[in-house]
Every structure is written in C-alpha cells, then in structure tokens.
C-alpha cells in the first residue's frame, strides 16, 4: 500500500512539473564590490505565481521589472513571465 501512495505522488509531481518551468540567470559571471547584478527568472506555465523576493545574497533588491506574455494555442492558454531583480552585492 505504501508503494501505491508513492507511485501516485510521483505521477502527480510529474504531471505538475510538465505544466510549468523555471529558469534562473545572472547577467555576469564575475563581479566586483559595488557592481550591479541582474538576476532574472523565466517562468512559464498555465497557472503561475510571481515570487516575492526582497533580498538576494544578503543585500536588498534595488529595482524590479517584469515582462509578461500570454499565448493561446488550440484553446490552451499559457503564460510566460520574465522577472528581473537588480541588486548590488
């Protein structure tokens, strides 16, 4: 019975992971003290929520920006967000 529960949980996780994807990038590979860095999250899926990020690497986020696109194919709606956070470590 325990195995059946694990299999059902695994199938649910696989199903929901196929509905959304997240990719994180940083605009620089190396920085020095005082340089500004942009951390970007590329989030796509059906029902996505924006994370509330106030600080990164122990420093406050200086500015944020977002870009949203909505796509409809054969009646299926998908959203894509690019969230950018600037901070100065």
PDB file of N, CA and C in Angstrom:
ATOM      1  N   UNK A   1       0.819  -1.185   0.000  1.00  0.00           N
ATOM      2  CA  UNK A   1       0.000   0.000   0.000  1.00  0.00           C
ATOM      3  C   UNK A   1       0.868   1.256   0.000  1.00  0.00           C
ATOM      4  N   UNK A   2       2.016   1.198   0.692  1.00  0.00           N
ATOM      5  CA  UNK A   2       2.914   2.360   0.720  1.00  0.00           C
ATOM      6  C   UNK A   2       3.458   2.661  -0.672  1.00  0.00           C
ATOM      7  N   UNK A   3       3.767   1.619  -1.439  1.00  0.00           N
ATOM      8  CA  UNK A   3       4.280   1.818  -2.787  1.00  0.00           C
ATOM      9  C   UNK A   3       3.251   2.474  -3.696  1.00  0.00           C
ATOM     10  N   UNK A   4       1.985   2.109  -3.540  1.00  0.00           N
ATOM     11  CA  UNK A   4       0.928   2.709  -4.348  1.00  0.00           C
ATOM     12  C   UNK A   4       0.849   4.218  -4.078  1.00  0.00           C
ATOM     13  N   UNK A   5       0.962   4.617  -2.837  1.00  0.00           N
ATOM     14  CA  UNK A   5       0.953   6.040  -2.491  1.00  0.00           C
ATOM     15  C   UNK A   5       2.137   6.773  -3.094  1.00  0.00           C
ATOM     16  N   UNK A   6       3.295   6.151  -3.088  1.00  0.00           N
ATOM     17  CA  UNK A   6       4.487   6.762  -3.681  1.00  0.00           C
ATOM     18  C   UNK A   6       4.341   6.901  -5.189  1.00  0.00           C
ATOM     19  N   UNK A   7       3.756   5.897  -5.826  1.00  0.00           N
ATOM     20  CA  UNK A   7       3.569   5.953  -7.281  1.00  0.00           C
ATOM     21  C   UNK A   7       2.588   7.066  -7.652  1.00  0.00           C
ATOM     22  N   UNK A   8       1.496   7.175  -6.907  1.00  0.00           N
ATOM     23  CA  UNK A   8       0.513   8.238  -7.185  1.00  0.00           C
ATOM     24  C   UNK A   8       1.146   9.606  -6.971  1.00  0.00           C
ATOM     25  N   UNK A   9       1.891   9.775  -5.902  1.00  0.00           N
ATOM     26  CA  UNK A   9       2.564  11.048  -5.648  1.00  0.00           C
ATOM     27  C   UNK A   9       3.548  11.379  -6.759  1.00  0.00           C
ATOM     28  N   UNK A  10       4.307  10.396  -7.204  1.00  0.00           N
ATOM     29  CA  UNK A  10       5.264  10.608  -8.283  1.00  0.00           C
ATOM     30  C   UNK A  10       4.554  11.032  -9.569  1.00  0.00           C
ATOM     31  N   UNK A  11       3.458  10.376  -9.905  1.00  0.00           N
ATOM     32  CA  UNK A  11       2.719  10.727 -11.120  1.00  0.00           C
ATOM     33  C   UNK A  11       2.141  12.138 -11.035  1.00  0.00           C
ATOM     34  N   UNK A  12       1.662  12.538  -9.863  1.00  0.00           N
ATOM     35  CA  UNK A  12       1.146  13.897  -9.693  1.00  0.00           C
ATOM     36  C   UNK A  12       2.254  14.930  -9.850  1.00  0.00           C
ATOM     37  N   UNK A  13       3.416  14.655  -9.288  1.00  0.00           N
ATOM     38  CA  UNK A  13       4.541  15.586  -9.409  1.00  0.00           C
ATOM     39  C   UNK A  13       5.010  15.715 -10.849  1.00  0.00           C
ATOM     40  N   UNK A  14       5.055  14.601 -11.558  1.00  0.00           N
ATOM     41  CA  UNK A  14       5.457  14.634 -12.963  1.00  0.00           C
ATOM     42  C   UNK A  14       4.450  15.431 -13.780  1.00  0.00           C
ATOM     43  N   UNK A  15       3.166  15.243 -13.493  1.00  0.00           N
ATOM     44  CA  UNK A  15       2.129  15.962 -14.233  1.00  0.00           C
ATOM     45  C   UNK A  15       2.247  17.460 -13.993  1.00  0.00           C
ATOM     46  N   UNK A  16       2.421  17.898 -12.743  1.00  0.00           N
ATOM     47  CA  UNK A  16       2.503  19.323 -12.460  1.00  0.00           C
ATOM     48  C   UNK A  16       3.819  19.930 -12.918  1.00  0.00           C
ATOM     49  N   UNK A  17       4.884  19.170 -12.917  1.00  0.00           N
ATOM     50  CA  UNK A  17       6.155  19.717 -13.381  1.00  0.00           C
ATOM     51  C   UNK A  17       6.150  19.928 -14.885  1.00  0.00           C
ATOM     52  N   UNK A  18       5.317  19.173 -15.597  1.00  0.00           N
ATOM     53  CA  UNK A  18       5.216  19.355 -17.043  1.00  0.00           C
ATOM     54  C   UNK A  18       4.427  20.610 -17.385  1.00  0.00           C
ATOM     55  N   UNK A  19       3.658  21.142 -16.428  1.00  0.00           N
ATOM     56  CA  UNK A  19       2.837  22.320 -16.672  1.00  0.00           C
ATOM     57  C   UNK A  19       3.582  23.628 -16.452  1.00  0.00           C
ATOM     58  N   UNK A  20       4.723  23.596 -15.808  1.00  0.00           N
ATOM     59  CA  UNK A  20       5.457  24.823 -15.515  1.00  0.00           C
ATOM     60  C   UNK A  20       6.959  24.578 -15.614  1.00  0.00           C
ATOM     61  N   UNK A  21       7.683  25.665 -15.901  1.00  0.00           N
ATOM     62  CA  UNK A  21       9.140  25.583 -15.909  1.00  0.00           C
ATOM     63  C   UNK A  21       9.714  26.896 -15.386  1.00  0.00           C
ATOM     64  N   UNK A  22      10.865  26.798 -14.755  1.00  0.00           N
ATOM     65  CA  UNK A  22      11.542  27.970 -14.190  1.00  0.00           C
ATOM     66  C   UNK A  22      13.006  27.903 -14.596  1.00  0.00           C
ATOM     67  N   UNK A  23      13.522  29.018 -15.085  1.00  0.00           N
ATOM     68  CA  UNK A  23      14.941  29.117 -15.430  1.00  0.00           C
ATOM     69  C   UNK A  23      15.474  30.403 -14.800  1.00  0.00           C
ATOM     70  N   UNK A  24      16.569  30.309 -14.086  1.00  0.00           N
ATOM     71  CA  UNK A  24      17.181  31.469 -13.442  1.00  0.00           C
ATOM     72  C   UNK A  24      18.512  31.785 -14.114  1.00  0.00           C
ATOM     73  N   UNK A  25      18.763  33.076 -14.368  1.00  0.00           N
ATOM     74  CA  UNK A  25      20.024  33.510 -14.971  1.00  0.00           C
ATOM     75  C   UNK A  25      20.545  34.750 -14.260  1.00  0.00           C
ATOM     76  N   UNK A  26      21.838  34.946 -14.377  1.00  0.00           N
ATOM     77  CA  UNK A  26      22.503  36.148 -13.866  1.00  0.00           C
ATOM     78  C   UNK A  26      23.278  36.743 -15.032  1.00  0.00           C
ATOM     79  N   UNK A  27      23.312  38.086 -15.120  1.00  0.00           N
ATOM     80  CA  UNK A  27      23.912  38.721 -16.297  1.00  0.00           C
ATOM     81  C   UNK A  27      25.434  38.801 -16.277  1.00  0.00           C
ATOM     82  N   UNK A  28      26.072  38.387 -15.197  1.00  0.00           N
ATOM     83  CA  UNK A  28      27.539  38.447 -15.129  1.00  0.00           C
ATOM     84  C   UNK A  28      28.076  37.172 -14.495  1.00  0.00           C
ATOM     85  N   UNK A  29      29.239  36.730 -14.957  1.00  0.00           N
ATOM     86  CA  UNK A  29      29.849  35.539 -14.364  1.00  0.00           C
ATOM     87  C   UNK A  29      30.754  35.890 -13.189  1.00  0.00           C
ATOM     88  N   UNK A  30      31.307  37.085 -13.207  1.00  0.00           N
ATOM     89  CA  UNK A  30      32.100  37.545 -12.067  1.00  0.00           C
ATOM     90  C   UNK A  30      31.875  39.047 -11.893  1.00  0.00           C
ATOM     91  N   UNK A  31      31.843  39.475 -10.651  1.00  0.00           N
ATOM     92  CA  UNK A  31      31.613  40.895 -10.358  1.00  0.00           C
ATOM     93  C   UNK A  31      32.554  41.336  -9.252  1.00  0.00           C
ATOM     94  N   UNK A  32      32.661  42.650  -9.098  1.00  0.00           N
ATOM     95  CA  UNK A  32      33.435  43.225  -8.011  1.00  0.00           C
ATOM     96  C   UNK A  32      32.493  43.978  -7.099  1.00  0.00           C
ATOM     97  N   UNK A  33      32.960  44.297  -5.928  1.00  0.00           N
ATOM     98  CA  UNK A  33      32.141  45.014  -4.959  1.00  0.00           C
ATOM     99  C   UNK A  33      31.679  46.338  -5.566  1.00  0.00           C
ATOM    100  N   UNK A  34      30.394  46.627  -5.441  1.00  0.00           N
ATOM    101  CA  UNK A  34      29.846  47.874  -5.958  1.00  0.00           C
ATOM    102  C   UNK A  34      29.234  47.770  -7.340  1.00  0.00           C
ATOM    103  N   UNK A  35      29.419  46.634  -8.021  1.00  0.00           N
ATOM    104  CA  UNK A  35      28.808  46.456  -9.336  1.00  0.00           C
ATOM    105  C   UNK A  35      27.380  45.937  -9.186  1.00  0.00           C
ATOM    106  N   UNK A  36      26.516  46.365 -10.101  1.00  0.00           N
ATOM    107  CA  UNK A  36      25.134  45.933 -10.074  1.00  0.00           C
ATOM    108  C   UNK A  36      24.969  44.632 -10.862  1.00  0.00           C
ATOM    109  N   UNK A  37      24.135  43.745 -10.336  1.00  0.00           N
ATOM    110  CA  UNK A  37      23.878  42.445 -10.952  1.00  0.00           C
ATOM    111  C   UNK A  37      22.376  42.328 -11.201  1.00  0.00           C
ATOM    112  N   UNK A  38      22.012  41.735 -12.342  1.00  0.00           N
ATOM    113  CA  UNK A  38      20.607  41.478 -12.638  1.00  0.00           C
ATOM    114  C   UNK A  38      20.359  39.973 -12.586  1.00  0.00           C
ATOM    115  N   UNK A  39      19.452  39.591 -11.713  1.00  0.00           N
ATOM    116  CA  UNK A  39      19.025  38.201 -11.551  1.00  0.00           C
ATOM    117  C   UNK A  39      17.667  38.076 -12.235  1.00  0.00           C
ATOM    118  N   UNK A  40      17.542  37.181 -13.203  1.00  0.00           N
ATOM    119  CA  UNK A  40      16.298  37.042 -13.959  1.00  0.00           C
ATOM    120  C   UNK A  40      15.701  35.657 -13.778  1.00  0.00           C
ATOM    121  N   UNK A  41      14.393  35.623 -13.614  1.00  0.00           N
ATOM    122  CA  UNK A  41      13.641  34.385 -13.544  1.00  0.00           C
ATOM    123  C   UNK A  41      12.740  34.308 -14.765  1.00  0.00           C
ATOM    124  N   UNK A  42      12.841  33.233 -15.520  1.00  0.00           N
ATOM    125  CA  UNK A  42      11.983  32.979 -16.680  1.00  0.00           C
ATOM    126  C   UNK A  42      11.003  31.886 -16.245  1.00  0.00           C
ATOM    127  N   UNK A  43       9.755  32.268 -16.035  1.00  0.00           N
ATOM    128  CA  UNK A  43       8.749  31.347 -15.527  1.00  0.00           C
ATOM    129  C   UNK A  43       7.672  31.181 -16.587  1.00  0.00           C
ATOM    130  N   UNK A  44       7.355  29.946 -16.936  1.00  0.00           N
ATOM    131  CA  UNK A  44       6.289  29.708 -17.901  1.00  0.00           C
ATOM    132  C   UNK A  44       5.424  28.560 -17.422  1.00  0.00           C
ATOM    133  N   UNK A  45       4.150  28.618 -17.782  1.00  0.00           N
ATOM    134  CA  UNK A  45       3.228  27.571 -17.397  1.00  0.00           C
ATOM    135  C   UNK A  45       1.793  28.025 -17.508  1.00  0.00           C
ATOM    136  N   UNK A  46       0.917  27.232 -16.951  1.00  0.00           N
ATOM    137  CA  UNK A  46      -0.515  27.505 -17.042  1.00  0.00           C
ATOM    138  C   UNK A  46      -0.958  28.433 -15.921  1.00  0.00           C
ATOM    139  N   UNK A  47      -0.736  28.069 -14.688  1.00  0.00           N
ATOM    140  CA  UNK A  47      -1.161  28.861 -13.539  1.00  0.00           C
ATOM    141  C   UNK A  47       0.070  29.174 -12.694  1.00  0.00           C
ATOM    142  N   UNK A  48       0.738  30.275 -13.010  1.00  0.00           N
ATOM    143  CA  UNK A  48       1.988  30.599 -12.331  1.00  0.00           C
ATOM    144  C   UNK A  48       1.784  31.782 -11.402  1.00  0.00           C
ATOM    145  N   UNK A  49       2.585  31.823 -10.354  1.00  0.00           N
ATOM    146  CA  UNK A  49       2.543  32.916  -9.398  1.00  0.00           C
ATOM    147  C   UNK A  49       3.931  33.513  -9.289  1.00  0.00           C
ATOM    148  N   UNK A  50       3.959  34.822  -9.142  1.00  0.00           N
ATOM    149  CA  UNK A  50       5.245  35.512  -9.008  1.00  0.00           C
ATOM    150  C   UNK A  50       5.765  35.388  -7.582  1.00  0.00           C
ATOM    151  N   UNK A  51       7.042  35.061  -7.434  1.00  0.00           N
ATOM    152  CA  UNK A  51       7.609  35.012  -6.087  1.00  0.00           C
ATOM    153  C   UNK A  51       7.858  36.419  -5.557  1.00  0.00           C
ATOM    154  N   UNK A  52       7.812  36.567  -4.252  1.00  0.00           N
ATOM    155  CA  UNK A  52       8.078  37.855  -3.617  1.00  0.00           C
ATOM    156  C   UNK A  52       9.513  37.840  -3.099  1.00  0.00           C
ATOM    157  N   UNK A  53      10.435  38.429  -3.854  1.00  0.00           N
ATOM    158  CA  UNK A  53      11.851  38.433  -3.495  1.00  0.00           C
ATOM    159  C   UNK A  53      12.229  39.832  -3.024  1.00  0.00           C
ATOM    160  N   UNK A  54      12.650  39.939  -1.774  1.00  0.00           N
ATOM    161  CA  UNK A  54      13.030  41.227  -1.183  1.00  0.00           C
ATOM    162  C   UNK A  54      14.545  41.419  -1.120  1.00  0.00           C
ATOM    163  N   UNK A  55      15.288  40.297  -1.016  1.00  0.00           N
ATOM    164  CA  UNK A  55      16.743  40.405  -0.933  1.00  0.00           C
ATOM    165  C   UNK A  55      17.384  39.199  -1.619  1.00  0.00           C
ATOM    166  N   UNK A  56      18.603  39.421  -2.132  1.00  0.00           N
ATOM    167  CA  UNK A  56      19.391  38.378  -2.780  1.00  0.00           C
ATOM    168  C   UNK A  56      20.818  38.475  -2.272  1.00  0.00           C
ATOM    169  N   UNK A  57      21.403  37.344  -1.969  1.00  0.00           N
ATOM    170  CA  UNK A  57      22.792  37.287  -1.481  1.00  0.00           C
ATOM    171  C   UNK A  57      23.008  38.206  -0.280  1.00  0.00           C
ATOM    172  N   UNK A  58      22.008  38.331   0.558  1.00  0.00           N
ATOM    173  CA  UNK A  58      22.147  39.132   1.762  1.00  0.00           C
ATOM    174  C   UNK A  58      22.043  40.632   1.544  1.00  0.00           C
ATOM    175  N   UNK A  59      21.693  41.084   0.346  1.00  0.00           N
ATOM    176  CA  UNK A  59      21.519  42.513   0.081  1.00  0.00           C
ATOM    177  C   UNK A  59      20.112  42.762  -0.462  1.00  0.00           C
ATOM    178  N   UNK A  60      19.612  43.970  -0.224  1.00  0.00           N
ATOM    179  CA  UNK A  60      18.271  44.320  -0.684  1.00  0.00           C
ATOM    180  C   UNK A  60      18.218  44.456  -2.191  1.00  0.00           C
ATOM    181  N   UNK A  61      17.078  44.109  -2.755  1.00  0.00           N
ATOM    182  CA  UNK A  61      16.840  44.306  -4.184  1.00  0.00           C
ATOM    183  C   UNK A  61      16.641  45.796  -4.430  1.00  0.00           C
ATOM    184  N   UNK A  62      17.380  46.351  -5.406  1.00  0.00           N
ATOM    185  CA  UNK A  62      17.323  47.783  -5.705  1.00  0.00           C
ATOM    186  C   UNK A  62      16.137  48.104  -6.596  1.00  0.00           C
ATOM    187  N   UNK A  63      15.931  47.313  -7.638  1.00  0.00           N
ATOM    188  CA  UNK A  63      14.810  47.553  -8.546  1.00  0.00           C
ATOM    189  C   UNK A  63      14.328  46.230  -9.129  1.00  0.00           C
ATOM    190  N   UNK A  64      13.078  46.246  -9.574  1.00  0.00           N
ATOM    191  CA  UNK A  64      12.496  45.059 -10.197  1.00  0.00           C
ATOM    192  C   UNK A  64      11.812  45.468 -11.497  1.00  0.00           C
ATOM    193  N   UNK A  65      11.717  44.523 -12.405  1.00  0.00           N
ATOM    194  CA  UNK A  65      10.957  44.734 -13.633  1.00  0.00           C
ATOM    195  C   UNK A  65      10.363  43.398 -14.044  1.00  0.00           C
ATOM    196  N   UNK A  66       9.311  43.468 -14.852  1.00  0.00           N
ATOM    197  CA  UNK A  66       8.684  42.229 -15.294  1.00  0.00           C
ATOM    198  C   UNK A  66       8.170  42.366 -16.715  1.00  0.00           C
ATOM    199  N   UNK A  67       8.130  41.245 -17.394  1.00  0.00           N
ATOM    200  CA  UNK A  67       7.609  41.164 -18.752  1.00  0.00           C
ATOM    201  C   UNK A  67       6.700  39.941 -18.787  1.00  0.00           C
ATOM    202  N   UNK A  68       5.470  40.115 -19.274  1.00  0.00           N
ATOM    203  CA  UNK A  68       4.501  39.029 -19.300  1.00  0.00           C
ATOM    204  C   UNK A  68       3.988  38.823 -20.715  1.00  0.00           C
ATOM    205  N   UNK A  69       3.882  37.563 -21.117  1.00  0.00           N
ATOM    206  CA  UNK A  69       3.259  37.252 -22.401  1.00  0.00           C
ATOM    207  C   UNK A  69       2.267  36.109 -22.195  1.00  0.00           C
ATOM    208  N   UNK A  70       1.163  36.179 -22.917  1.00  0.00           N
ATOM    209  CA  UNK A  70       0.125  35.165 -22.848  1.00  0.00           C
ATOM    210  C   UNK A  70      -0.041  34.580 -24.244  1.00  0.00           C
ATOM    211  N   UNK A  71      -0.055  33.262 -24.324  1.00  0.00           N
ATOM    212  CA  UNK A  71      -0.162  32.581 -25.615  1.00  0.00           C
ATOM    213  C   UNK A  71      -1.321  31.600 -25.577  1.00  0.00           C
ATOM    214  N   UNK A  72      -2.110  31.603 -26.646  1.00  0.00           N
ATOM    215  CA  UNK A  72      -3.223  30.673 -26.737  1.00  0.00           C
ATOM    216  C   UNK A  72      -3.053  29.803 -27.984  1.00  0.00           C
ATOM    217  N   UNK A  73      -3.014  28.495 -27.765  1.00  0.00           N
ATOM    218  CA  UNK A  73      -2.900  27.530 -28.860  1.00  0.00           C
ATOM    219  C   UNK A  73      -3.993  26.487 -28.692  1.00  0.00           C
ATOM    220  N   UNK A  74      -4.836  26.379 -29.698  1.00  0.00           N
ATOM    221  CA  UNK A  74      -5.918  25.389 -29.689  1.00  0.00           C
ATOM    222  C   UNK A  74      -6.748  25.442 -28.411  1.00  0.00           C
ATOM    223  N   UNK A  75      -6.987  26.635 -27.910  1.00  0.00           N
ATOM    224  CA  UNK A  75      -7.792  26.804 -26.703  1.00  0.00           C
ATOM    225  C   UNK A  75      -7.026  26.662 -25.410  1.00  0.00           C
ATOM    226  N   UNK A  76      -5.752  26.262 -25.459  1.00  0.00           N
ATOM    227  CA  UNK A  76      -4.927  26.147 -24.255  1.00  0.00           C
ATOM    228  C   UNK A  76      -4.178  27.455 -24.043  1.00  0.00           C
ATOM    229  N   UNK A  77      -4.284  27.997 -22.848  1.00  0.00           N
ATOM    230  CA  UNK A  77      -3.635  29.265 -22.517  1.00  0.00           C
ATOM    231  C   UNK A  77      -2.386  28.988 -21.697  1.00  0.00           C
ATOM    232  N   UNK A  78      -1.275  29.603 -22.084  1.00  0.00           N
ATOM    233  CA  UNK A  78      -0.046  29.506 -21.290  1.00  0.00           C
ATOM    234  C   UNK A  78       0.506  30.903 -21.083  1.00  0.00           C
ATOM    235  N   UNK A  79       1.145  31.096 -19.952  1.00  0.00           N
ATOM    236  CA  UNK A  79       1.733  32.385 -19.610  1.00  0.00           C
ATOM    237  C   UNK A  79       3.237  32.231 -19.490  1.00  0.00           C
ATOM    238  N   UNK A  80       3.917  33.321 -19.753  1.00  0.00           N
ATOM    239  CA  UNK A  80       5.357  33.359 -19.609  1.00  0.00           C
ATOM    240  C   UNK A  80       5.733  34.697 -18.970  1.00  0.00           C
ATOM    241  N   UNK A  81       6.478  34.641 -17.900  1.00  0.00           N
ATOM    242  CA  UNK A  81       6.937  35.849 -17.208  1.00  0.00           C
ATOM    243  C   UNK A  81       8.451  35.868 -17.158  1.00  0.00           C
ATOM    244  N   UNK A  82       9.008  37.048 -17.366  1.00  0.00           N
ATOM    245  CA  UNK A  82      10.428  37.266 -17.111  1.00  0.00           C
ATOM    246  C   UNK A  82      10.487  38.310 -16.007  1.00  0.00           C
ATOM    247  N   UNK A  83      10.994  37.913 -14.863  1.00  0.00           N
ATOM    248  CA  UNK A  83      11.117  38.798 -13.709  1.00  0.00           C
ATOM    249  C   UNK A  83      12.583  39.110 -13.501  1.00  0.00           C
ATOM    250  N   UNK A  84      12.916  40.394 -13.431  1.00  0.00           N
ATOM    251  CA  UNK A  84      14.307  40.808 -13.242  1.00  0.00           C
ATOM    252  C   UNK A  84      14.453  41.564 -11.945  1.00  0.00           C
ATOM    253  N   UNK A  85      15.499  41.225 -11.209  1.00  0.00           N
ATOM    254  CA  UNK A  85      15.794  41.845  -9.923  1.00  0.00           C
ATOM    255  C   UNK A  85      17.214  42.381  -9.964  1.00  0.00           C
ATOM    256  N   UNK A  86      17.390  43.669  -9.713  1.00  0.00           N
ATOM    257  CA  UNK A  86      18.741  44.252  -9.666  1.00  0.00           C
ATOM    258  C   UNK A  86      19.162  44.417  -8.208  1.00  0.00           C
ATOM    259  N   UNK A  87      20.385  43.992  -7.947  1.00  0.00           N
ATOM    260  CA  UNK A  87      20.932  44.146  -6.609  1.00  0.00           C
ATOM    261  C   UNK A  87      22.420  44.399  -6.699  1.00  0.00           C
ATOM    262  N   UNK A  88      22.978  44.914  -5.598  1.00  0.00           N
ATOM    263  CA  UNK A  88      24.394  45.257  -5.574  1.00  0.00           C
ATOM    264  C   UNK A  88      25.046  44.554  -4.378  1.00  0.00           C
ATOM    265  N   UNK A  89      25.705  43.420  -4.639  1.00  0.00           N
ATOM    266  CA  UNK A  89      26.327  42.679  -3.529  1.00  0.00           C
ATOM    267  C   UNK A  89      27.583  43.356  -3.011  1.00  0.00           C
TER     268      UNK A  89
END
